[in-house]
């Protein structure tokens, strides 16, 4: 259960109406993280604008960007962001098998070399302490332009903010990503943890709850 109660949509400052509409268009919902940030509307508006720029159309495939965000969030341990990014990655065409095997990307040929280079950066940049070396960038330059490398790093950095925010706030997962992640990622070991709805702490219970509504 979110540790700072989110605002309702009716309570949100008017400057966030566009941000809520953008998030709803992208995710099919307004994330509780935005509704919690809405207690500081100027900050929430700035975050929403950055998010739209970083994960929106650019020079890197949007499915790959969500896969990068998913691996970075997995390295950090944020279950909330794992559910959202994996769900979005699938919507952008990333096969479920890749999502279920994302932390084993270096093994076999399920992932191609440009994906492996990006995911190695995502995993190691999210570690504490940071484990990125010059070799990561030498590997990236074999597959991406400088502009694309900056775009990929932007995704990792932005999710560093979100991973810290959502894990610290214990942001409650919304129904759609919770239900999807329970079914799709549960077999690979995912569970909602602190992000489960109140009174519904485990994945199986979450799935039963969502089936009933």
C-alpha atoms as a PDB file:
ATOM      1  CA  UNK A   1       0.000   0.000   0.000  1.00  0.00           C
ATOM      2  CA  UNK A   2       1.412   3.381  -1.028  1.00  0.00           C
ATOM      3  CA  UNK A   3       3.026   5.054   1.995  1.00  0.00           C
ATOM      4  CA  UNK A   4       1.932   8.572   0.949  1.00  0.00           C
ATOM      5  CA  UNK A   5      -1.723   8.543  -0.118  1.00  0.00           C
ATOM      6  CA  UNK A   6      -2.082   9.489  -3.807  1.00  0.00           C
ATOM      7  CA  UNK A   7      -4.460  12.231  -4.832  1.00  0.00           C
ATOM      8  CA  UNK A   8      -7.648  11.310  -6.645  1.00  0.00           C
ATOM      9  CA  UNK A   9      -7.920  12.464 -10.248  1.00  0.00           C
ATOM     10  CA  UNK A  10     -10.420  15.119  -9.158  1.00  0.00           C
ATOM     11  CA  UNK A  11      -7.914  16.556  -6.680  1.00  0.00           C
ATOM     12  CA  UNK A  12      -5.007  16.842  -9.139  1.00  0.00           C
ATOM     13  CA  UNK A  13      -3.843  20.330 -10.108  1.00  0.00           C
ATOM     14  CA  UNK A  14      -5.066  21.365 -13.595  1.00  0.00           C
ATOM     15  CA  UNK A  15      -1.458  21.668 -14.830  1.00  0.00           C
ATOM     16  CA  UNK A  16      -1.297  17.856 -14.709  1.00  0.00           C
ATOM     17  CA  UNK A  17      -4.304  17.170 -16.907  1.00  0.00           C
ATOM     18  CA  UNK A  18      -2.165  16.824 -20.056  1.00  0.00           C
ATOM     19  CA  UNK A  19       0.320  14.595 -18.226  1.00  0.00           C
ATOM     20  CA  UNK A  20      -2.477  12.331 -16.997  1.00  0.00           C
ATOM     21  CA  UNK A  21      -3.930  12.098 -20.503  1.00  0.00           C
ATOM     22  CA  UNK A  22      -0.506  11.216 -21.953  1.00  0.00           C
ATOM     23  CA  UNK A  23       0.113   8.526 -19.346  1.00  0.00           C
ATOM     24  CA  UNK A  24      -3.361   7.107 -19.846  1.00  0.00           C
ATOM     25  CA  UNK A  25      -2.817   6.983 -23.602  1.00  0.00           C
ATOM     26  CA  UNK A  26       0.503   5.171 -23.157  1.00  0.00           C
ATOM     27  CA  UNK A  27      -0.372   2.827 -20.293  1.00  0.00           C
ATOM     28  CA  UNK A  28      -4.154   2.646 -20.404  1.00  0.00           C
ATOM     29  CA  UNK A  29      -4.218   4.131 -16.882  1.00  0.00           C
ATOM     30  CA  UNK A  30      -2.880   6.982 -14.793  1.00  0.00           C
ATOM     31  CA  UNK A  31      -0.075   5.445 -12.689  1.00  0.00           C
ATOM     32  CA  UNK A  32      -0.313   5.822  -8.943  1.00  0.00           C
ATOM     33  CA  UNK A  33       3.261   7.103  -8.966  1.00  0.00           C
ATOM     34  CA  UNK A  34       2.084  10.230 -10.835  1.00  0.00           C
ATOM     35  CA  UNK A  35      -0.884  10.678  -8.494  1.00  0.00           C
ATOM     36  CA  UNK A  36       1.489  10.569  -5.521  1.00  0.00           C
ATOM     37  CA  UNK A  37       3.912  13.039  -7.106  1.00  0.00           C
ATOM     38  CA  UNK A  38       0.862  15.242  -7.729  1.00  0.00           C
ATOM     39  CA  UNK A  39       1.170  16.539  -4.164  1.00  0.00           C
ATOM     40  CA  UNK A  40       3.960  18.628  -5.746  1.00  0.00           C
ATOM     41  CA  UNK A  41       2.336  19.442  -9.100  1.00  0.00           C
ATOM     42  CA  UNK A  42       5.258  21.369 -10.597  1.00  0.00           C
ATOM     43  CA  UNK A  43       7.598  18.453  -9.892  1.00  0.00           C
ATOM     44  CA  UNK A  44       5.084  15.946 -11.260  1.00  0.00           C
ATOM     45  CA  UNK A  45       4.606  17.983 -14.434  1.00  0.00           C
ATOM     46  CA  UNK A  46       8.375  18.187 -15.008  1.00  0.00           C
ATOM     47  CA  UNK A  47       8.730  14.441 -14.443  1.00  0.00           C
ATOM     48  CA  UNK A  48       5.894  13.644 -16.840  1.00  0.00           C
ATOM     49  CA  UNK A  49       7.415  15.824 -19.557  1.00  0.00           C
ATOM     50  CA  UNK A  50      10.814  14.146 -19.162  1.00  0.00           C
ATOM     51  CA  UNK A  51       9.225  10.698 -19.203  1.00  0.00           C
ATOM     52  CA  UNK A  52       7.335  11.400 -22.424  1.00  0.00           C
ATOM     53  CA  UNK A  53      10.559  12.599 -24.061  1.00  0.00           C
ATOM     54  CA  UNK A  54      12.740   9.729 -22.847  1.00  0.00           C
ATOM     55  CA  UNK A  55      10.463   6.755 -23.562  1.00  0.00           C
ATOM     56  CA  UNK A  56       8.596   8.273 -26.516  1.00  0.00           C
ATOM     57  CA  UNK A  57       9.547   8.260 -30.181  1.00  0.00           C
ATOM     58  CA  UNK A  58      13.267   8.624 -30.758  1.00  0.00           C
ATOM     59  CA  UNK A  59      16.184   6.965 -32.502  1.00  0.00           C
ATOM     60  CA  UNK A  60      15.974   3.702 -30.523  1.00  0.00           C
ATOM     61  CA  UNK A  61      13.200   1.128 -30.920  1.00  0.00           C
ATOM     62  CA  UNK A  62      10.574   1.681 -28.215  1.00  0.00           C
ATOM     63  CA  UNK A  63      10.355  -2.017 -27.438  1.00  0.00           C
ATOM     64  CA  UNK A  64      14.098  -2.121 -26.784  1.00  0.00           C
ATOM     65  CA  UNK A  65      13.830   0.945 -24.549  1.00  0.00           C
ATOM     66  CA  UNK A  66      11.181  -0.763 -22.443  1.00  0.00           C
ATOM     67  CA  UNK A  67      13.328  -3.912 -22.310  1.00  0.00           C
ATOM     68  CA  UNK A  68      16.261  -1.777 -21.137  1.00  0.00           C
ATOM     69  CA  UNK A  69      14.008  -0.218 -18.489  1.00  0.00           C
ATOM     70  CA  UNK A  70      12.828  -3.667 -17.412  1.00  0.00           C
ATOM     71  CA  UNK A  71      16.361  -5.038 -16.954  1.00  0.00           C
ATOM     72  CA  UNK A  72      17.487  -1.893 -15.104  1.00  0.00           C
ATOM     73  CA  UNK A  73      14.423  -2.117 -12.838  1.00  0.00           C
ATOM     74  CA  UNK A  74      15.100  -5.818 -12.253  1.00  0.00           C
ATOM     75  CA  UNK A  75      18.701  -5.080 -11.260  1.00  0.00           C
ATOM     76  CA  UNK A  76      17.460  -2.454  -8.836  1.00  0.00           C
ATOM     77  CA  UNK A  77      14.714  -4.774  -7.558  1.00  0.00           C
ATOM     78  CA  UNK A  78      11.664  -2.541  -8.139  1.00  0.00           C
ATOM     79  CA  UNK A  79       8.728  -4.895  -8.730  1.00  0.00           C
ATOM     80  CA  UNK A  80       6.400  -2.022  -9.610  1.00  0.00           C
ATOM     81  CA  UNK A  81       8.608  -0.824 -12.457  1.00  0.00           C
ATOM     82  CA  UNK A  82       9.274  -4.398 -13.595  1.00  0.00           C
ATOM     83  CA  UNK A  83       5.540  -4.961 -14.062  1.00  0.00           C
ATOM     84  CA  UNK A  84       4.998  -1.704 -15.946  1.00  0.00           C
ATOM     85  CA  UNK A  85       8.044  -1.911 -18.211  1.00  0.00           C
ATOM     86  CA  UNK A  86       7.589  -5.586 -19.089  1.00  0.00           C
ATOM     87  CA  UNK A  87       3.915  -5.016 -19.878  1.00  0.00           C
ATOM     88  CA  UNK A  88       4.819  -2.038 -22.087  1.00  0.00           C
ATOM     89  CA  UNK A  89       7.621  -3.996 -23.775  1.00  0.00           C
ATOM     90  CA  UNK A  90       5.185  -6.721 -24.757  1.00  0.00           C
ATOM     91  CA  UNK A  91       2.803  -4.129 -26.191  1.00  0.00           C
ATOM     92  CA  UNK A  92       5.700  -2.854 -28.331  1.00  0.00           C
ATOM     93  CA  UNK A  93       6.344  -6.327 -29.699  1.00  0.00           C
ATOM     94  CA  UNK A  94       8.970  -7.799 -27.350  1.00  0.00           C
ATOM     95  CA  UNK A  95       8.271 -11.565 -27.123  1.00  0.00           C
ATOM     96  CA  UNK A  96       7.253 -12.867 -23.711  1.00  0.00           C
ATOM     97  CA  UNK A  97      10.077 -15.416 -23.856  1.00  0.00           C
ATOM     98  CA  UNK A  98      12.592 -12.559 -23.871  1.00  0.00           C
ATOM     99  CA  UNK A  99      10.961 -10.940 -20.873  1.00  0.00           C
ATOM    100  CA  UNK A 100      10.955 -14.183 -18.937  1.00  0.00           C
ATOM    101  CA  UNK A 101      14.647 -14.706 -19.813  1.00  0.00           C
ATOM    102  CA  UNK A 102      15.762 -11.073 -19.676  1.00  0.00           C
ATOM    103  CA  UNK A 103      18.333 -11.542 -16.920  1.00  0.00           C
ATOM    104  CA  UNK A 104      19.954 -14.370 -18.857  1.00  0.00           C
ATOM    105  CA  UNK A 105      20.362 -12.258 -21.995  1.00  0.00           C
ATOM    106  CA  UNK A 106      24.063 -13.085 -22.408  1.00  0.00           C
ATOM    107  CA  UNK A 107      23.298 -16.786 -22.818  1.00  0.00           C
ATOM    108  CA  UNK A 108      22.365 -18.349 -26.154  1.00  0.00           C
ATOM    109  CA  UNK A 109      21.013 -16.571 -29.217  1.00  0.00           C
ATOM    110  CA  UNK A 110      17.565 -15.428 -28.012  1.00  0.00           C
ATOM    111  CA  UNK A 111      18.938 -11.871 -27.855  1.00  0.00           C
ATOM    112  CA  UNK A 112      21.008 -10.403 -30.660  1.00  0.00           C
ATOM    113  CA  UNK A 113      24.292  -8.590 -30.110  1.00  0.00           C
ATOM    114  CA  UNK A 114      22.876  -5.061 -30.116  1.00  0.00           C
ATOM    115  CA  UNK A 115      20.288  -6.060 -27.488  1.00  0.00           C
ATOM    116  CA  UNK A 116      22.978  -7.718 -25.386  1.00  0.00           C
ATOM    117  CA  UNK A 117      25.100  -4.564 -25.451  1.00  0.00           C
ATOM    118  CA  UNK A 118      22.178  -2.373 -24.368  1.00  0.00           C
ATOM    119  CA  UNK A 119      21.019  -4.763 -21.658  1.00  0.00           C
ATOM    120  CA  UNK A 120      24.519  -5.176 -20.233  1.00  0.00           C
ATOM    121  CA  UNK A 121      24.621  -1.398 -19.778  1.00  0.00           C
ATOM    122  CA  UNK A 122      21.135  -1.411 -18.217  1.00  0.00           C
ATOM    123  CA  UNK A 123      21.987  -4.156 -15.740  1.00  0.00           C
ATOM    124  CA  UNK A 124      25.372  -2.817 -14.671  1.00  0.00           C
ATOM    125  CA  UNK A 125      24.387   0.863 -14.540  1.00  0.00           C
ATOM    126  CA  UNK A 126      21.580  -0.035 -12.111  1.00  0.00           C
ATOM    127  CA  UNK A 127      23.925  -1.838  -9.737  1.00  0.00           C
ATOM    128  CA  UNK A 128      25.086  -0.176  -6.505  1.00  0.00           C
ATOM    129  CA  UNK A 129      27.932   0.538  -6.765  1.00  0.00           C
ATOM    130  CA  UNK A 130      27.791   1.146 -10.495  1.00  0.00           C
ATOM    131  CA  UNK A 131      29.564  -1.583 -12.475  1.00  0.00           C
ATOM    132  CA  UNK A 132      29.804   0.080 -15.900  1.00  0.00           C
ATOM    133  CA  UNK A 133      33.268   0.196 -17.480  1.00  0.00           C
ATOM    134  CA  UNK A 134      34.774   1.654 -20.644  1.00  0.00           C
ATOM    135  CA  UNK A 135      34.284  -1.773 -22.240  1.00  0.00           C
ATOM    136  CA  UNK A 136      30.504  -1.337 -22.042  1.00  0.00           C
ATOM    137  CA  UNK A 137      30.751   1.738 -24.241  1.00  0.00           C
ATOM    138  CA  UNK A 138      33.171   0.136 -26.672  1.00  0.00           C
ATOM    139  CA  UNK A 139      30.611  -2.642 -27.073  1.00  0.00           C
ATOM    140  CA  UNK A 140      27.749  -0.166 -27.518  1.00  0.00           C
ATOM    141  CA  UNK A 141      29.598   1.794 -30.193  1.00  0.00           C
ATOM    142  CA  UNK A 142      29.663  -1.321 -32.334  1.00  0.00           C
ATOM    143  CA  UNK A 143      25.861  -1.218 -32.598  1.00  0.00           C
ATOM    144  CA  UNK A 144      24.570   2.268 -31.768  1.00  0.00           C
ATOM    145  CA  UNK A 145      25.253   5.887 -32.694  1.00  0.00           C
ATOM    146  CA  UNK A 146      26.255   8.368 -29.993  1.00  0.00           C
ATOM    147  CA  UNK A 147      22.732   9.790 -30.098  1.00  0.00           C
ATOM    148  CA  UNK A 148      21.261   6.346 -29.523  1.00  0.00           C
ATOM    149  CA  UNK A 149      23.641   5.604 -26.651  1.00  0.00           C
ATOM    150  CA  UNK A 150      22.559   8.839 -24.969  1.00  0.00           C
ATOM    151  CA  UNK A 151      18.912   7.883 -25.503  1.00  0.00           C
ATOM    152  CA  UNK A 152      19.457   4.443 -23.932  1.00  0.00           C
ATOM    153  CA  UNK A 153      21.293   6.012 -20.992  1.00  0.00           C
ATOM    154  CA  UNK A 154      18.404   8.445 -20.570  1.00  0.00           C
ATOM    155  CA  UNK A 155      16.020   5.513 -20.116  1.00  0.00           C
ATOM    156  CA  UNK A 156      18.274   3.902 -17.501  1.00  0.00           C
ATOM    157  CA  UNK A 157      18.708   7.175 -15.603  1.00  0.00           C
ATOM    158  CA  UNK A 158      15.004   8.002 -15.660  1.00  0.00           C
ATOM    159  CA  UNK A 159      14.135   4.591 -14.278  1.00  0.00           C
ATOM    160  CA  UNK A 160      16.740   5.106 -11.581  1.00  0.00           C
ATOM    161  CA  UNK A 161      14.444   7.902 -10.370  1.00  0.00           C
ATOM    162  CA  UNK A 162      11.328   5.744 -10.712  1.00  0.00           C
ATOM    163  CA  UNK A 163      12.881   2.676  -9.073  1.00  0.00           C
ATOM    164  CA  UNK A 164      13.855   4.736  -6.035  1.00  0.00           C
ATOM    165  CA  UNK A 165      10.514   6.516  -5.949  1.00  0.00           C
ATOM    166  CA  UNK A 166       8.264   3.488  -6.257  1.00  0.00           C
ATOM    167  CA  UNK A 167      10.248   1.164  -4.008  1.00  0.00           C
ATOM    168  CA  UNK A 168      10.502   3.802  -1.267  1.00  0.00           C
ATOM    169  CA  UNK A 169       6.862   4.879  -1.551  1.00  0.00           C
ATOM    170  CA  UNK A 170       5.716   1.224  -1.889  1.00  0.00           C
ATOM    171  CA  UNK A 171       3.535   2.392  -4.766  1.00  0.00           C
ATOM    172  CA  UNK A 172       0.530   0.101  -5.157  1.00  0.00           C
ATOM    173  CA  UNK A 173       0.378  -1.676  -8.508  1.00  0.00           C
ATOM    174  CA  UNK A 174      -2.700  -0.925 -10.558  1.00  0.00           C
ATOM    175  CA  UNK A 175      -4.979  -3.759 -11.678  1.00  0.00           C
ATOM    176  CA  UNK A 176      -3.898  -4.158 -15.292  1.00  0.00           C
ATOM    177  CA  UNK A 177      -0.094  -4.370 -14.824  1.00  0.00           C
ATOM    178  CA  UNK A 178      -0.521  -6.404 -11.636  1.00  0.00           C
ATOM    179  CA  UNK A 179      -2.743  -8.951 -13.349  1.00  0.00           C
ATOM    180  CA  UNK A 180      -0.510  -9.155 -16.426  1.00  0.00           C
ATOM    181  CA  UNK A 181       2.731  -9.503 -14.459  1.00  0.00           C
ATOM    182  CA  UNK A 182       1.240 -12.109 -12.125  1.00  0.00           C
ATOM    183  CA  UNK A 183       0.319 -14.261 -15.109  1.00  0.00           C
ATOM    184  CA  UNK A 184       3.237 -13.549 -17.467  1.00  0.00           C
ATOM    185  CA  UNK A 185       6.174 -13.036 -15.099  1.00  0.00           C
ATOM    186  CA  UNK A 186       5.019 -15.048 -12.095  1.00  0.00           C
ATOM    187  CA  UNK A 187       6.357 -18.293 -13.610  1.00  0.00           C
ATOM    188  CA  UNK A 188       9.791 -16.601 -13.847  1.00  0.00           C
ATOM    189  CA  UNK A 189       9.706 -15.646 -10.159  1.00  0.00           C
ATOM    190  CA  UNK A 190       8.070 -12.199 -10.178  1.00  0.00           C
ATOM    191  CA  UNK A 191       5.759 -11.246  -7.319  1.00  0.00           C
ATOM    192  CA  UNK A 192       4.336  -7.845  -6.298  1.00  0.00           C
ATOM    193  CA  UNK A 193       5.937  -7.725  -2.856  1.00  0.00           C
ATOM    194  CA  UNK A 194       5.378  -4.328  -1.223  1.00  0.00           C
ATOM    195  CA  UNK A 195       3.422  -3.169  -4.280  1.00  0.00           C
ATOM    196  CA  UNK A 196       0.500  -5.572  -3.793  1.00  0.00           C
ATOM    197  CA  UNK A 197      -2.938  -4.080  -3.073  1.00  0.00           C
ATOM    198  CA  UNK A 198      -3.724  -3.731   0.616  1.00  0.00           C
ATOM    199  CA  UNK A 199      -4.685  -7.055   2.175  1.00  0.00           C
ATOM    200  CA  UNK A 200      -3.502  -8.984  -0.893  1.00  0.00           C
ATOM    201  CA  UNK A 201       0.223  -9.627  -0.372  1.00  0.00           C
ATOM    202  CA  UNK A 202       0.972 -12.527  -2.701  1.00  0.00           C
ATOM    203  CA  UNK A 203       0.883 -13.066  -6.444  1.00  0.00           C
ATOM    204  CA  UNK A 204      -1.655 -15.877  -6.407  1.00  0.00           C
ATOM    205  CA  UNK A 205      -4.011 -13.872  -4.235  1.00  0.00           C
ATOM    206  CA  UNK A 206      -3.563 -10.879  -6.526  1.00  0.00           C
ATOM    207  CA  UNK A 207      -4.542 -12.952  -9.541  1.00  0.00           C
ATOM    208  CA  UNK A 208      -7.613 -14.324  -7.746  1.00  0.00           C
ATOM    209  CA  UNK A 209      -8.616 -10.826  -6.674  1.00  0.00           C
ATOM    210  CA  UNK A 210      -8.325  -9.434 -10.193  1.00  0.00           C
ATOM    211  CA  UNK A 211     -10.196 -12.375 -11.705  1.00  0.00           C
ATOM    212  CA  UNK A 212     -13.085 -11.586  -9.418  1.00  0.00           C
ATOM    213  CA  UNK A 213     -13.503  -7.923 -10.372  1.00  0.00           C
END
